[in-house]
């Protein structure tokens, strides 16, 4: 029995293509100025927003970066 190889680049293109079809299939924007902006974003193959990372400033500190480095948890 031989292992079947997978072309990950074709897989990526297929997944992005299917998502593009899905994401643009239900978008009906009647305001011309907004539609132009959305079309420009779609033209750049952007179909989802950039990741959003937030830090809660109210967290309770239990250690320091220095202690984490000394413990080997973080790379110096």
PDB file of N, CA and C in Angstrom:
ATOM      1  N   UNK A   1       0.854  -1.179   0.000  1.00  0.00           N
ATOM      2  CA  UNK A   1       0.000   0.000   0.000  1.00  0.00           C
ATOM      3  C   UNK A   1       0.901   1.244   0.000  1.00  0.00           C
ATOM      4  N   UNK A   2       0.631   2.181  -0.873  1.00  0.00           N
ATOM      5  CA  UNK A   2       1.422   3.403  -0.941  1.00  0.00           C
ATOM      6  C   UNK A   2       0.611   4.562  -0.388  1.00  0.00           C
ATOM      7  N   UNK A   3       1.332   5.504   0.176  1.00  0.00           N
ATOM      8  CA  UNK A   3       0.676   6.695   0.725  1.00  0.00           C
ATOM      9  C   UNK A   3       0.321   7.642  -0.403  1.00  0.00           C
ATOM     10  N   UNK A   4      -0.852   8.204  -0.329  1.00  0.00           N
ATOM     11  CA  UNK A   4      -1.293   9.178  -1.326  1.00  0.00           C
ATOM     12  C   UNK A   4      -0.761  10.548  -0.928  1.00  0.00           C
ATOM     13  N   UNK A   5      -0.130  11.242  -1.853  1.00  0.00           N
ATOM     14  CA  UNK A   5       0.416  12.559  -1.535  1.00  0.00           C
ATOM     15  C   UNK A   5      -0.659  13.627  -1.713  1.00  0.00           C
ATOM     16  N   UNK A   6      -0.468  14.715  -0.993  1.00  0.00           N
ATOM     17  CA  UNK A   6      -1.417  15.817  -1.045  1.00  0.00           C
ATOM     18  C   UNK A   6      -0.675  17.078  -1.461  1.00  0.00           C
ATOM     19  N   UNK A   7      -1.246  17.789  -2.394  1.00  0.00           N
ATOM     20  CA  UNK A   7      -0.691  19.069  -2.820  1.00  0.00           C
ATOM     21  C   UNK A   7      -1.291  20.145  -1.924  1.00  0.00           C
ATOM     22  N   UNK A   8      -0.527  20.569  -0.906  1.00  0.00           N
ATOM     23  CA  UNK A   8      -1.053  21.529   0.070  1.00  0.00           C
ATOM     24  C   UNK A   8      -1.349  22.887  -0.563  1.00  0.00           C
ATOM     25  N   UNK A   9      -0.655  23.213  -1.636  1.00  0.00           N
ATOM     26  CA  UNK A   9      -0.901  24.502  -2.279  1.00  0.00           C
ATOM     27  C   UNK A   9      -2.247  24.493  -3.004  1.00  0.00           C
ATOM     28  N   UNK A  10      -2.557  23.388  -3.647  1.00  0.00           N
ATOM     29  CA  UNK A  10      -3.864  23.266  -4.300  1.00  0.00           C
ATOM     30  C   UNK A  10      -4.978  23.232  -3.265  1.00  0.00           C
ATOM     31  N   UNK A  11      -4.721  22.556  -2.150  1.00  0.00           N
ATOM     32  CA  UNK A  11      -5.703  22.516  -1.069  1.00  0.00           C
ATOM     33  C   UNK A  11      -5.968  23.913  -0.540  1.00  0.00           C
ATOM     34  N   UNK A  12      -4.899  24.680  -0.309  1.00  0.00           N
ATOM     35  CA  UNK A  12      -5.048  26.056   0.172  1.00  0.00           C
ATOM     36  C   UNK A  12      -5.855  26.883  -0.816  1.00  0.00           C
ATOM     37  N   UNK A  13      -5.533  26.773  -2.100  1.00  0.00           N
ATOM     38  CA  UNK A  13      -6.251  27.539  -3.116  1.00  0.00           C
ATOM     39  C   UNK A  13      -7.728  27.160  -3.153  1.00  0.00           C
ATOM     40  N   UNK A  14      -8.020  25.863  -2.997  1.00  0.00           N
ATOM     41  CA  UNK A  14      -9.411  25.405  -3.010  1.00  0.00           C
ATOM     42  C   UNK A  14     -10.167  25.944  -1.799  1.00  0.00           C
ATOM     43  N   UNK A  15      -9.550  25.893  -0.631  1.00  0.00           N
ATOM     44  CA  UNK A  15     -10.209  26.382   0.585  1.00  0.00           C
ATOM     45  C   UNK A  15     -10.464  27.886   0.481  1.00  0.00           C
ATOM     46  N   UNK A  16      -9.464  28.640   0.044  1.00  0.00           N
ATOM     47  CA  UNK A  16      -9.628  30.096  -0.104  1.00  0.00           C
ATOM     48  C   UNK A  16     -10.681  30.403  -1.160  1.00  0.00           C
ATOM     49  N   UNK A  17     -10.668  29.668  -2.251  1.00  0.00           N
ATOM     50  CA  UNK A  17     -11.659  29.881  -3.310  1.00  0.00           C
ATOM     51  C   UNK A  17     -13.076  29.628  -2.828  1.00  0.00           C
ATOM     52  N   UNK A  18     -13.266  28.544  -2.080  1.00  0.00           N
ATOM     53  CA  UNK A  18     -14.589  28.243  -1.545  1.00  0.00           C
ATOM     54  C   UNK A  18     -15.027  29.306  -0.539  1.00  0.00           C
ATOM     55  N   UNK A  19     -14.098  29.766   0.290  1.00  0.00           N
ATOM     56  CA  UNK A  19     -14.459  30.794   1.267  1.00  0.00           C
ATOM     57  C   UNK A  19     -14.772  32.113   0.563  1.00  0.00           C
ATOM     58  N   UNK A  20     -14.024  32.423  -0.484  1.00  0.00           N
ATOM     59  CA  UNK A  20     -14.283  33.646  -1.258  1.00  0.00           C
ATOM     60  C   UNK A  20     -15.706  33.610  -1.819  1.00  0.00           C
ATOM     61  N   UNK A  21     -16.082  32.474  -2.391  1.00  0.00           N
ATOM     62  CA  UNK A  21     -17.436  32.333  -2.932  1.00  0.00           C
ATOM     63  C   UNK A  21     -18.469  32.501  -1.830  1.00  0.00           C
ATOM     64  N   UNK A  22     -18.233  31.858  -0.694  1.00  0.00           N
ATOM     65  CA  UNK A  22     -19.150  31.970   0.437  1.00  0.00           C
ATOM     66  C   UNK A  22     -19.238  33.411   0.937  1.00  0.00           C
ATOM     67  N   UNK A  23     -18.081  34.047   1.189  1.00  0.00           N
ATOM     68  CA  UNK A  23     -18.045  35.382   1.795  1.00  0.00           C
ATOM     69  C   UNK A  23     -18.663  36.440   0.893  1.00  0.00           C
ATOM     70  N   UNK A  24     -18.517  36.291  -0.399  1.00  0.00           N
ATOM     71  CA  UNK A  24     -19.032  37.316  -1.311  1.00  0.00           C
ATOM     72  C   UNK A  24     -20.445  37.011  -1.801  1.00  0.00           C
ATOM     73  N   UNK A  25     -20.969  35.825  -1.498  1.00  0.00           N
ATOM     74  CA  UNK A  25     -22.274  35.441  -2.023  1.00  0.00           C
ATOM     75  C   UNK A  25     -23.434  36.157  -1.335  1.00  0.00           C
ATOM     76  N   UNK A  26     -23.255  36.580  -0.107  1.00  0.00           N
ATOM     77  CA  UNK A  26     -24.363  37.201   0.612  1.00  0.00           C
ATOM     78  C   UNK A  26     -24.139  38.682   0.870  1.00  0.00           C
ATOM     79  N   UNK A  27     -23.149  39.264   0.212  1.00  0.00           N
ATOM     80  CA  UNK A  27     -22.854  40.673   0.405  1.00  0.00           C
ATOM     81  C   UNK A  27     -23.533  41.496  -0.688  1.00  0.00           C
ATOM     82  N   UNK A  28     -24.558  42.243  -0.297  1.00  0.00           N
ATOM     83  CA  UNK A  28     -25.225  43.159  -1.218  1.00  0.00           C
ATOM     84  C   UNK A  28     -25.153  44.541  -0.598  1.00  0.00           C
ATOM     85  N   UNK A  29     -24.291  45.357  -1.148  1.00  0.00           N
ATOM     86  CA  UNK A  29     -24.094  46.706  -0.612  1.00  0.00           C
ATOM     87  C   UNK A  29     -24.630  47.698  -1.632  1.00  0.00           C
ATOM     88  N   UNK A  30     -25.609  48.459  -1.235  1.00  0.00           N
ATOM     89  CA  UNK A  30     -26.242  49.399  -2.165  1.00  0.00           C
ATOM     90  C   UNK A  30     -25.557  50.766  -2.177  1.00  0.00           C
ATOM     91  N   UNK A  31     -24.886  51.139  -1.109  1.00  0.00           N
ATOM     92  CA  UNK A  31     -24.191  52.432  -1.064  1.00  0.00           C
ATOM     93  C   UNK A  31     -22.920  52.321  -1.904  1.00  0.00           C
ATOM     94  N   UNK A  32     -22.858  53.097  -2.946  1.00  0.00           N
ATOM     95  CA  UNK A  32     -21.758  53.015  -3.915  1.00  0.00           C
ATOM     96  C   UNK A  32     -20.387  53.197  -3.267  1.00  0.00           C
ATOM     97  N   UNK A  33     -20.255  54.186  -2.387  1.00  0.00           N
ATOM     98  CA  UNK A  33     -18.944  54.455  -1.793  1.00  0.00           C
ATOM     99  C   UNK A  33     -18.479  53.286  -0.915  1.00  0.00           C
ATOM    100  N   UNK A  34     -19.387  52.700  -0.172  1.00  0.00           N
ATOM    101  CA  UNK A  34     -19.017  51.566   0.685  1.00  0.00           C
ATOM    102  C   UNK A  34     -18.731  50.338  -0.172  1.00  0.00           C
ATOM    103  N   UNK A  35     -19.566  50.105  -1.199  1.00  0.00           N
ATOM    104  CA  UNK A  35     -19.346  48.963  -2.091  1.00  0.00           C
ATOM    105  C   UNK A  35     -17.976  49.042  -2.766  1.00  0.00           C
ATOM    106  N   UNK A  36     -17.561  50.220  -3.164  1.00  0.00           N
ATOM    107  CA  UNK A  36     -16.242  50.379  -3.784  1.00  0.00           C
ATOM    108  C   UNK A  36     -15.131  50.003  -2.804  1.00  0.00           C
ATOM    109  N   UNK A  37     -15.281  50.412  -1.552  1.00  0.00           N
ATOM    110  CA  UNK A  37     -14.263  50.079  -0.553  1.00  0.00           C
ATOM    111  C   UNK A  37     -14.222  48.574  -0.295  1.00  0.00           C
ATOM    112  N   UNK A  38     -15.382  47.959  -0.173  1.00  0.00           N
ATOM    113  CA  UNK A  38     -15.434  46.509   0.061  1.00  0.00           C
ATOM    114  C   UNK A  38     -14.878  45.764  -1.159  1.00  0.00           C
ATOM    115  N   UNK A  39     -15.239  46.198  -2.360  1.00  0.00           N
ATOM    116  CA  UNK A  39     -14.703  45.574  -3.572  1.00  0.00           C
ATOM    117  C   UNK A  39     -13.187  45.685  -3.633  1.00  0.00           C
ATOM    118  N   UNK A  40     -12.653  46.813  -3.202  1.00  0.00           N
ATOM    119  CA  UNK A  40     -11.193  46.985  -3.185  1.00  0.00           C
ATOM    120  C   UNK A  40     -10.542  46.015  -2.198  1.00  0.00           C
ATOM    121  N   UNK A  41     -11.182  45.804  -1.068  1.00  0.00           N
ATOM    122  CA  UNK A  41     -10.657  44.847  -0.089  1.00  0.00           C
ATOM    123  C   UNK A  41     -10.720  43.434  -0.660  1.00  0.00           C
ATOM    124  N   UNK A  42     -11.863  43.068  -1.265  1.00  0.00           N
ATOM    125  CA  UNK A  42     -11.992  41.741  -1.889  1.00  0.00           C
ATOM    126  C   UNK A  42     -10.973  41.559  -3.008  1.00  0.00           C
ATOM    127  N   UNK A  43     -10.669  42.630  -3.744  1.00  0.00           N
ATOM    128  CA  UNK A  43      -9.698  42.543  -4.840  1.00  0.00           C
ATOM    129  C   UNK A  43      -8.302  42.211  -4.327  1.00  0.00           C
ATOM    130  N   UNK A  44      -8.047  42.502  -3.053  1.00  0.00           N
ATOM    131  CA  UNK A  44      -6.757  42.166  -2.429  1.00  0.00           C
ATOM    132  C   UNK A  44      -6.796  40.776  -1.788  1.00  0.00           C
ATOM    133  N   UNK A  45      -7.865  40.011  -2.093  1.00  0.00           N
ATOM    134  CA  UNK A  45      -8.062  38.668  -1.516  1.00  0.00           C
ATOM    135  C   UNK A  45      -8.132  38.697   0.002  1.00  0.00           C
ATOM    136  N   UNK A  46      -8.739  39.736   0.536  1.00  0.00           N
ATOM    137  CA  UNK A  46      -8.949  39.831   1.987  1.00  0.00           C
ATOM    138  C   UNK A  46     -10.423  39.587   2.253  1.00  0.00           C
ATOM    139  N   UNK A  47     -10.714  38.465   2.911  1.00  0.00           N
ATOM    140  CA  UNK A  47     -12.103  38.085   3.151  1.00  0.00           C
ATOM    141  C   UNK A  47     -12.426  37.985   4.631  1.00  0.00           C
ATOM    142  N   UNK A  48     -11.473  38.281   5.479  1.00  0.00           N
ATOM    143  CA  UNK A  48     -11.692  38.290   6.922  1.00  0.00           C
ATOM    144  C   UNK A  48     -10.780  39.343   7.525  1.00  0.00           C
ATOM    145  N   UNK A  49     -11.113  39.867   8.690  1.00  0.00           N
ATOM    146  CA  UNK A  49     -10.297  40.935   9.295  1.00  0.00           C
ATOM    147  C   UNK A  49      -8.972  40.399   9.835  1.00  0.00           C
ATOM    148  N   UNK A  50      -8.058  41.293  10.035  1.00  0.00           N
ATOM    149  CA  UNK A  50      -6.786  40.942  10.660  1.00  0.00           C
ATOM    150  C   UNK A  50      -7.055  40.438  12.074  1.00  0.00           C
ATOM    151  N   UNK A  51      -6.194  39.578  12.581  1.00  0.00           N
ATOM    152  CA  UNK A  51      -6.397  39.098  13.958  1.00  0.00           C
ATOM    153  C   UNK A  51      -6.383  40.250  14.951  1.00  0.00           C
ATOM    154  N   UNK A  52      -7.213  40.139  15.953  1.00  0.00           N
ATOM    155  CA  UNK A  52      -7.293  41.148  17.000  1.00  0.00           C
ATOM    156  C   UNK A  52      -6.794  40.529  18.296  1.00  0.00           C
ATOM    157  N   UNK A  53      -5.754  41.088  18.840  1.00  0.00           N
ATOM    158  CA  UNK A  53      -5.200  40.616  20.108  1.00  0.00           C
ATOM    159  C   UNK A  53      -5.345  41.739  21.111  1.00  0.00           C
ATOM    160  N   UNK A  54      -5.995  41.426  22.217  1.00  0.00           N
ATOM    161  CA  UNK A  54      -6.190  42.428  23.254  1.00  0.00           C
ATOM    162  C   UNK A  54      -5.632  41.902  24.570  1.00  0.00           C
ATOM    163  N   UNK A  55      -5.164  42.806  25.380  1.00  0.00           N
ATOM    164  CA  UNK A  55      -4.654  42.462  26.698  1.00  0.00           C
ATOM    165  C   UNK A  55      -5.515  43.166  27.728  1.00  0.00           C
ATOM    166  N   UNK A  56      -5.966  42.418  28.699  1.00  0.00           N
ATOM    167  CA  UNK A  56      -6.776  42.985  29.757  1.00  0.00           C
ATOM    168  C   UNK A  56      -5.847  43.629  30.788  1.00  0.00           C
ATOM    169  N   UNK A  57      -5.899  44.942  30.959  1.00  0.00           N
ATOM    170  CA  UNK A  57      -4.996  45.610  31.903  1.00  0.00           C
ATOM    171  C   UNK A  57      -5.360  45.332  33.362  1.00  0.00           C
ATOM    172  N   UNK A  58      -6.486  44.668  33.599  1.00  0.00           N
ATOM    173  CA  UNK A  58      -6.932  44.421  34.963  1.00  0.00           C
ATOM    174  C   UNK A  58      -6.498  43.048  35.498  1.00  0.00           C
ATOM    175  N   UNK A  59      -5.644  42.340  34.762  1.00  0.00           N
ATOM    176  CA  UNK A  59      -5.251  41.020  35.230  1.00  0.00           C
ATOM    177  C   UNK A  59      -4.375  41.118  36.482  1.00  0.00           C
ATOM    178  N   UNK A  60      -4.378  40.051  37.267  1.00  0.00           N
ATOM    179  CA  UNK A  60      -3.579  39.996  38.491  1.00  0.00           C
ATOM    180  C   UNK A  60      -2.211  39.426  38.148  1.00  0.00           C
ATOM    181  N   UNK A  61      -1.178  40.158  38.446  1.00  0.00           N
ATOM    182  CA  UNK A  61       0.183  39.696  38.160  1.00  0.00           C
ATOM    183  C   UNK A  61       0.605  38.681  39.212  1.00  0.00           C
ATOM    184  N   UNK A  62       1.129  37.558  38.738  1.00  0.00           N
ATOM    185  CA  UNK A  62       1.576  36.530  39.665  1.00  0.00           C
ATOM    186  C   UNK A  62       3.065  36.228  39.500  1.00  0.00           C
ATOM    187  N   UNK A  63       3.659  36.770  38.434  1.00  0.00           N
ATOM    188  CA  UNK A  63       5.077  36.531  38.197  1.00  0.00           C
ATOM    189  C   UNK A  63       5.610  37.654  37.313  1.00  0.00           C
ATOM    190  N   UNK A  64       6.870  37.578  36.981  1.00  0.00           N
ATOM    191  CA  UNK A  64       7.487  38.567  36.099  1.00  0.00           C
ATOM    192  C   UNK A  64       8.089  37.851  34.900  1.00  0.00           C
ATOM    193  N   UNK A  65       8.388  38.611  33.872  1.00  0.00           N
ATOM    194  CA  UNK A  65       9.048  38.046  32.704  1.00  0.00           C
ATOM    195  C   UNK A  65      10.394  37.464  33.119  1.00  0.00           C
ATOM    196  N   UNK A  66      11.107  38.166  33.976  1.00  0.00           N
ATOM    197  CA  UNK A  66      12.413  37.692  34.415  1.00  0.00           C
ATOM    198  C   UNK A  66      12.316  36.332  35.103  1.00  0.00           C
ATOM    199  N   UNK A  67      11.306  36.153  35.957  1.00  0.00           N
ATOM    200  CA  UNK A  67      11.120  34.869  36.643  1.00  0.00           C
ATOM    201  C   UNK A  67      10.749  33.770  35.648  1.00  0.00           C
ATOM    202  N   UNK A  68       9.954  34.104  34.659  1.00  0.00           N
ATOM    203  CA  UNK A  68       9.581  33.127  33.638  1.00  0.00           C
ATOM    204  C   UNK A  68      10.783  32.702  32.799  1.00  0.00           C
ATOM    205  N   UNK A  69      11.674  33.648  32.500  1.00  0.00           N
ATOM    206  CA  UNK A  69      12.899  33.333  31.763  1.00  0.00           C
ATOM    207  C   UNK A  69      13.784  32.425  32.617  1.00  0.00           C
ATOM    208  N   UNK A  70      13.940  32.774  33.903  1.00  0.00           N
ATOM    209  CA  UNK A  70      14.772  31.977  34.800  1.00  0.00           C
ATOM    210  C   UNK A  70      14.220  30.558  34.960  1.00  0.00           C
ATOM    211  N   UNK A  71      12.912  30.401  34.905  1.00  0.00           N
ATOM    212  CA  UNK A  71      12.280  29.083  35.039  1.00  0.00           C
ATOM    213  C   UNK A  71      12.300  28.301  33.730  1.00  0.00           C
ATOM    214  N   UNK A  72      12.737  28.944  32.647  1.00  0.00           N
ATOM    215  CA  UNK A  72      12.795  28.273  31.349  1.00  0.00           C
ATOM    216  C   UNK A  72      11.478  28.275  30.592  1.00  0.00           C
ATOM    217  N   UNK A  73      10.496  29.008  31.096  1.00  0.00           N
ATOM    218  CA  UNK A  73       9.194  29.074  30.423  1.00  0.00           C
ATOM    219  C   UNK A  73       9.262  29.964  29.186  1.00  0.00           C
ATOM    220  N   UNK A  74      10.003  31.062  29.300  1.00  0.00           N
ATOM    221  CA  UNK A  74      10.194  31.998  28.192  1.00  0.00           C
ATOM    222  C   UNK A  74      11.632  31.956  27.712  1.00  0.00           C
ATOM    223  N   UNK A  75      11.809  32.185  26.441  1.00  0.00           N
ATOM    224  CA  UNK A  75      13.146  32.255  25.861  1.00  0.00           C
ATOM    225  C   UNK A  75      13.717  33.651  26.135  1.00  0.00           C
ATOM    226  N   UNK A  76      14.933  33.725  26.624  1.00  0.00           N
ATOM    227  CA  UNK A  76      15.511  35.050  26.926  1.00  0.00           C
ATOM    228  C   UNK A  76      15.543  35.934  25.693  1.00  0.00           C
TER     229      UNK A  76
END
